[in-house]
Amino acid sequence: MTTLLALDTATEACSVALLHDGKVLSHYEVLPRLHAQRLLPMIKQLLADAGVELSEVDAIAFGRGPGAFTGVRIAIGVVQGLAFALDRPVLPVSNLAVLAQRAFREHGARQVASAIDARMDEVYWGCYREVDGEMRLVGEEAVKPPEQAALPEGSSGEWFGAGTGWGYGERIAVALKGQDAAMLPHAEDLLTLATFAWQRGEAVVADDAQPVYLRDKVATPKMPKA
């Protein structure tokens, strides 16, 4: 049986989850600015609760962003340290996708517009649709002003809004069936997405555990030549 460890610190929430012998255990706490102190103890406690040694883990999944820069870096630092020590692969998972998966688990939402407050009057934005229990990206993830957030072209049916970016809901011109603007990513849902990725053979080496901030994609105009 596959044993997967998942962890996430990309937002105010700090969470870990473990799949072992077909069973899932998770720990979840909202701990702004305490992720660095709490993450490793949470992992140790989770493994102890499950009666699993760290050496039994086949791969480590993590929230690769978008989210708070510091939080994403904490997760990657811990993941790379563990993966190098154990010689195990890693599974990077989008935090916007994790929100959508949580909305599916908790609300049964099959089309989800995920939004995370990106500060600077912007939101991290991504739209997802459920396929065989997995929330899959429709279109692209992006960072943009709330007024520019939109559903994928040709979209129909009911959509659910998930994530702190919906605190800007009055400025987002998207009709929703429901929303949860307090929802944060949970490692249990990250683990679900990582399991799909693992089964498809999408694990990568620890060196490839890289953050995705989305703002990196913003092109800087070149200065005109004199």
Protein backbone atom coordinates (compact mmCIF):
# COMPACT_ATOMS: atom_id res chain seq x y z
CA MET A 1 0.00 0.00 0.00
CA THR A 2 1.17 3.51 -0.81
CA THR A 3 2.05 5.83 2.08
CA LEU A 4 1.91 9.54 1.25
CA LEU A 5 2.62 12.51 3.51
CA ALA A 6 1.13 15.92 2.67
CA LEU A 7 1.80 19.30 4.23
CA ASP A 8 0.71 22.88 3.63
CA THR A 9 1.68 26.26 5.05
CA ALA A 10 0.82 28.57 2.14
CA THR A 11 -1.89 30.50 4.00
CA GLU A 12 -2.83 31.21 7.63
CA ALA A 13 -3.57 27.48 8.02
CA CYS A 14 -0.89 24.93 8.87
CA SER A 15 -1.90 21.36 8.13
CA VAL A 16 -0.50 17.89 7.56
CA ALA A 17 -2.13 14.68 6.34
CA LEU A 18 -1.09 11.06 5.88
CA LEU A 19 -2.38 8.26 3.69
CA HIS A 20 -1.40 4.83 5.02
CA ASP A 21 -3.04 1.45 4.51
CA GLY A 22 -5.88 3.20 2.70
CA LYS A 23 -6.68 5.38 5.74
CA VAL A 24 -6.26 9.15 6.04
CA LEU A 25 -5.23 11.03 9.17
CA SER A 26 -4.81 14.82 9.32
CA HIS A 27 -3.98 17.68 11.67
CA TYR A 28 -5.15 21.21 10.86
CA GLU A 29 -4.61 24.46 12.75
CA VAL A 30 -4.94 28.12 11.85
CA LEU A 31 -1.62 29.51 13.03
CA PRO A 32 -0.63 32.82 11.45
CA ARG A 33 3.14 33.36 11.68
CA LEU A 34 3.74 30.15 13.67
CA HIS A 35 4.13 27.70 10.79
CA ALA A 36 7.90 27.37 11.09
CA GLN A 37 7.62 26.39 14.77
CA ARG A 38 4.67 24.04 14.42
CA LEU A 39 5.11 22.18 11.14
CA LEU A 40 7.73 19.60 12.11
CA PRO A 41 6.09 18.81 15.49
CA MET A 42 2.77 18.35 13.66
CA ILE A 43 4.37 15.91 11.23
CA LYS A 44 6.00 13.99 14.10
CA GLN A 45 2.69 13.79 16.00
CA LEU A 46 0.77 12.70 12.89
CA LEU A 47 3.20 9.86 12.19
CA ALA A 48 3.10 8.80 15.85
CA ASP A 49 -0.72 8.78 15.84
CA ALA A 50 -0.68 6.58 12.74
CA GLY A 51 2.08 4.30 14.05
CA VAL A 52 4.12 5.01 10.92
CA GLU A 53 7.86 5.62 10.62
CA LEU A 54 9.00 8.48 8.41
CA SER A 55 11.05 5.95 6.41
CA GLU A 56 7.80 4.25 5.34
CA VAL A 57 6.64 7.33 3.41
CA ASP A 58 6.77 6.78 -0.37
CA ALA A 59 6.43 10.46 -1.40
CA ILE A 60 5.82 13.87 0.13
CA ALA A 61 3.19 16.25 -1.22
CA PHE A 62 3.09 19.97 -0.51
CA GLY A 63 1.20 23.15 -1.30
CA ARG A 64 3.43 24.85 -3.87
CA GLY A 65 1.46 28.09 -3.91
CA PRO A 66 0.13 30.50 -4.73
CA GLY A 67 -0.02 31.93 -1.24
CA ALA A 68 2.09 33.83 1.26
CA PHE A 69 5.70 33.91 0.09
CA THR A 70 7.10 33.01 3.51
CA GLY A 71 4.59 30.23 4.06
CA VAL A 72 5.27 28.59 0.71
CA ARG A 73 9.02 28.73 1.34
CA ILE A 74 8.61 27.10 4.76
CA ALA A 75 6.79 24.16 3.19
CA ILE A 76 9.36 23.75 0.43
CA GLY A 77 12.26 23.94 2.88
CA VAL A 78 10.81 21.19 5.04
CA VAL A 79 9.78 19.05 2.07
CA GLN A 80 13.20 19.24 0.44
CA GLY A 81 14.94 18.47 3.73
CA LEU A 82 12.81 15.38 4.31
CA ALA A 83 12.87 14.24 0.69
CA PHE A 84 16.65 14.52 0.39
CA ALA A 85 17.17 12.69 3.70
CA LEU A 86 14.79 9.88 2.74
CA ASP A 87 15.64 9.87 -0.99
CA ARG A 88 11.95 10.19 -1.83
CA PRO A 89 10.12 12.05 -4.61
CA VAL A 90 7.77 14.98 -4.06
CA LEU A 91 4.36 15.99 -5.36
CA PRO A 92 3.77 19.75 -5.81
CA VAL A 93 0.08 20.70 -5.65
CA SER A 94 -1.61 24.03 -6.38
CA ASN A 95 -3.16 25.69 -3.34
CA LEU A 96 -6.00 26.99 -5.50
CA ALA A 97 -6.74 23.40 -6.52
CA VAL A 98 -6.65 22.36 -2.86
CA LEU A 99 -9.33 24.96 -2.08
CA ALA A 100 -11.49 23.62 -4.89
CA GLN A 101 -11.04 20.06 -3.64
CA ARG A 102 -12.06 21.13 -0.14
CA ALA A 103 -15.16 22.85 -1.52
CA PHE A 104 -16.04 19.62 -3.30
CA ARG A 105 -15.51 17.57 -0.13
CA GLU A 106 -17.39 19.88 2.22
CA HIS A 107 -20.05 21.41 -0.03
CA GLY A 108 -20.35 18.96 -2.92
CA ALA A 109 -19.40 21.79 -5.30
CA ARG A 110 -18.44 20.44 -8.71
CA GLN A 111 -17.44 23.77 -10.24
CA VAL A 112 -15.35 26.02 -8.03
CA ALA A 113 -13.86 29.47 -8.48
CA SER A 114 -10.94 29.54 -6.05
CA ALA A 115 -9.60 32.88 -4.89
CA ILE A 116 -6.85 33.63 -2.37
CA ASP A 117 -6.22 37.16 -1.14
CA ALA A 118 -2.91 38.11 -2.79
CA ARG A 119 -2.65 41.47 -1.00
CA MET A 120 -1.70 44.50 -3.12
CA ASP A 121 -5.41 44.71 -4.07
CA GLU A 122 -5.21 41.48 -6.09
CA VAL A 123 -6.40 37.88 -5.88
CA TYR A 124 -4.87 34.58 -6.88
CA TRP A 125 -7.53 33.08 -9.14
CA GLY A 126 -8.27 29.68 -10.64
CA CYS A 127 -11.40 27.82 -11.79
CA TYR A 128 -11.86 24.09 -11.35
CA ARG A 129 -14.27 21.41 -12.44
CA GLU A 130 -14.75 17.97 -10.86
CA VAL A 131 -13.80 14.94 -12.97
CA ASP A 132 -14.05 11.52 -11.32
CA GLY A 133 -13.59 12.98 -7.85
CA GLU A 134 -10.67 15.25 -8.78
CA MET A 135 -10.93 19.01 -9.16
CA ARG A 136 -9.15 19.89 -12.40
CA LEU A 137 -8.07 23.30 -13.63
CA VAL A 138 -10.15 24.92 -16.37
CA GLY A 139 -8.12 27.62 -18.10
CA GLU A 140 -5.17 29.10 -16.22
CA GLU A 141 -4.29 30.22 -12.72
CA ALA A 142 -3.44 33.91 -12.47
CA VAL A 143 -3.02 36.88 -10.16
CA LYS A 144 -5.21 39.84 -11.03
CA PRO A 145 -7.36 42.67 -9.64
CA PRO A 146 -10.75 41.38 -8.40
CA GLU A 147 -12.53 43.24 -11.21
CA GLN A 148 -10.66 41.16 -13.80
CA ALA A 149 -11.50 37.78 -12.27
CA ALA A 150 -13.87 35.81 -14.50
CA LEU A 151 -15.13 32.30 -15.18
CA PRO A 152 -13.66 30.37 -18.13
CA GLU A 153 -15.11 31.25 -21.51
CA GLY A 154 -18.23 29.28 -22.33
CA SER A 155 -18.86 28.28 -18.71
CA SER A 156 -22.33 27.21 -17.64
CA GLY A 157 -23.99 25.64 -14.62
CA GLU A 158 -23.57 26.51 -10.95
CA TRP A 159 -20.30 27.75 -9.48
CA PHE A 160 -19.12 27.91 -5.85
CA GLY A 161 -16.66 30.52 -4.58
CA ALA A 162 -13.93 29.30 -2.20
CA GLY A 163 -11.15 31.16 -0.43
CA THR A 164 -10.16 34.43 1.16
CA GLY A 165 -10.10 36.24 -2.17
CA TRP A 166 -13.88 36.23 -2.01
CA GLY A 167 -13.53 38.90 0.65
CA TYR A 168 -13.41 41.08 -2.46
CA GLY A 169 -16.64 39.45 -3.63
CA GLU A 170 -18.46 42.72 -4.30
CA ARG A 171 -15.80 43.53 -6.89
CA ILE A 172 -15.82 40.14 -8.61
CA ALA A 173 -18.46 40.01 -11.34
CA VAL A 174 -19.20 36.29 -11.03
CA ALA A 175 -22.59 34.83 -10.11
CA LEU A 176 -22.29 32.07 -7.52
CA LYS A 177 -24.52 29.37 -6.11
CA GLY A 178 -22.70 29.72 -2.80
CA GLN A 179 -19.38 30.74 -1.30
CA ASP A 180 -17.06 30.35 1.67
CA ALA A 181 -14.76 33.36 1.94
CA ALA A 182 -13.17 31.99 5.14
CA MET A 183 -12.06 28.70 3.58
CA LEU A 184 -8.34 27.91 3.71
CA PRO A 185 -6.43 25.05 2.07
CA HIS A 186 -6.42 21.78 4.04
CA ALA A 187 -3.74 19.09 3.74
CA GLU A 188 -6.44 16.41 3.61
CA ASP A 189 -7.59 17.75 0.24
CA LEU A 190 -4.01 18.30 -0.87
CA LEU A 191 -3.46 14.61 -0.13
CA THR A 192 -6.44 13.66 -2.31
CA LEU A 193 -5.04 15.60 -5.26
CA ALA A 194 -1.55 14.23 -4.62
CA THR A 195 -2.90 10.69 -4.69
CA PHE A 196 -4.33 11.25 -8.17
CA ALA A 197 -0.99 12.74 -9.26
CA TRP A 198 0.95 9.83 -7.72
CA GLN A 199 -1.19 7.31 -9.57
CA ARG A 200 -0.43 9.13 -12.83
CA GLY A 201 3.30 8.99 -12.13
CA GLU A 202 3.68 12.77 -11.69
CA ALA A 203 6.07 12.72 -8.73
CA VAL A 204 9.29 14.71 -9.22
CA VAL A 205 12.71 14.79 -7.54
CA ALA A 206 13.18 17.06 -4.54
CA ASP A 207 15.22 19.55 -6.57
CA ASP A 208 12.08 20.28 -8.56
CA ALA A 209 10.09 21.28 -5.47
CA GLN A 210 9.70 24.89 -6.54
CA PRO A 211 7.25 27.59 -5.44
CA VAL A 212 4.61 29.04 -7.75
CA TYR A 213 3.86 32.64 -6.88
CA LEU A 214 2.06 33.54 -10.16
CA ARG A 215 3.44 37.07 -9.90
CA ASP A 216 6.61 35.65 -11.48
CA LYS A 217 4.60 35.41 -14.70
CA VAL A 218 3.98 39.14 -14.87
CA ALA A 219 6.11 40.51 -17.68
CA THR A 220 8.19 43.60 -17.03
CA PRO A 221 8.07 46.00 -19.98
CA LYS A 222 11.48 46.57 -21.49
CA MET A 223 12.84 50.07 -21.48
CA PRO A 224 13.02 51.55 -24.98
CA LYS A 225 16.48 51.79 -26.43
CA ALA A 226 18.02 55.24 -26.50
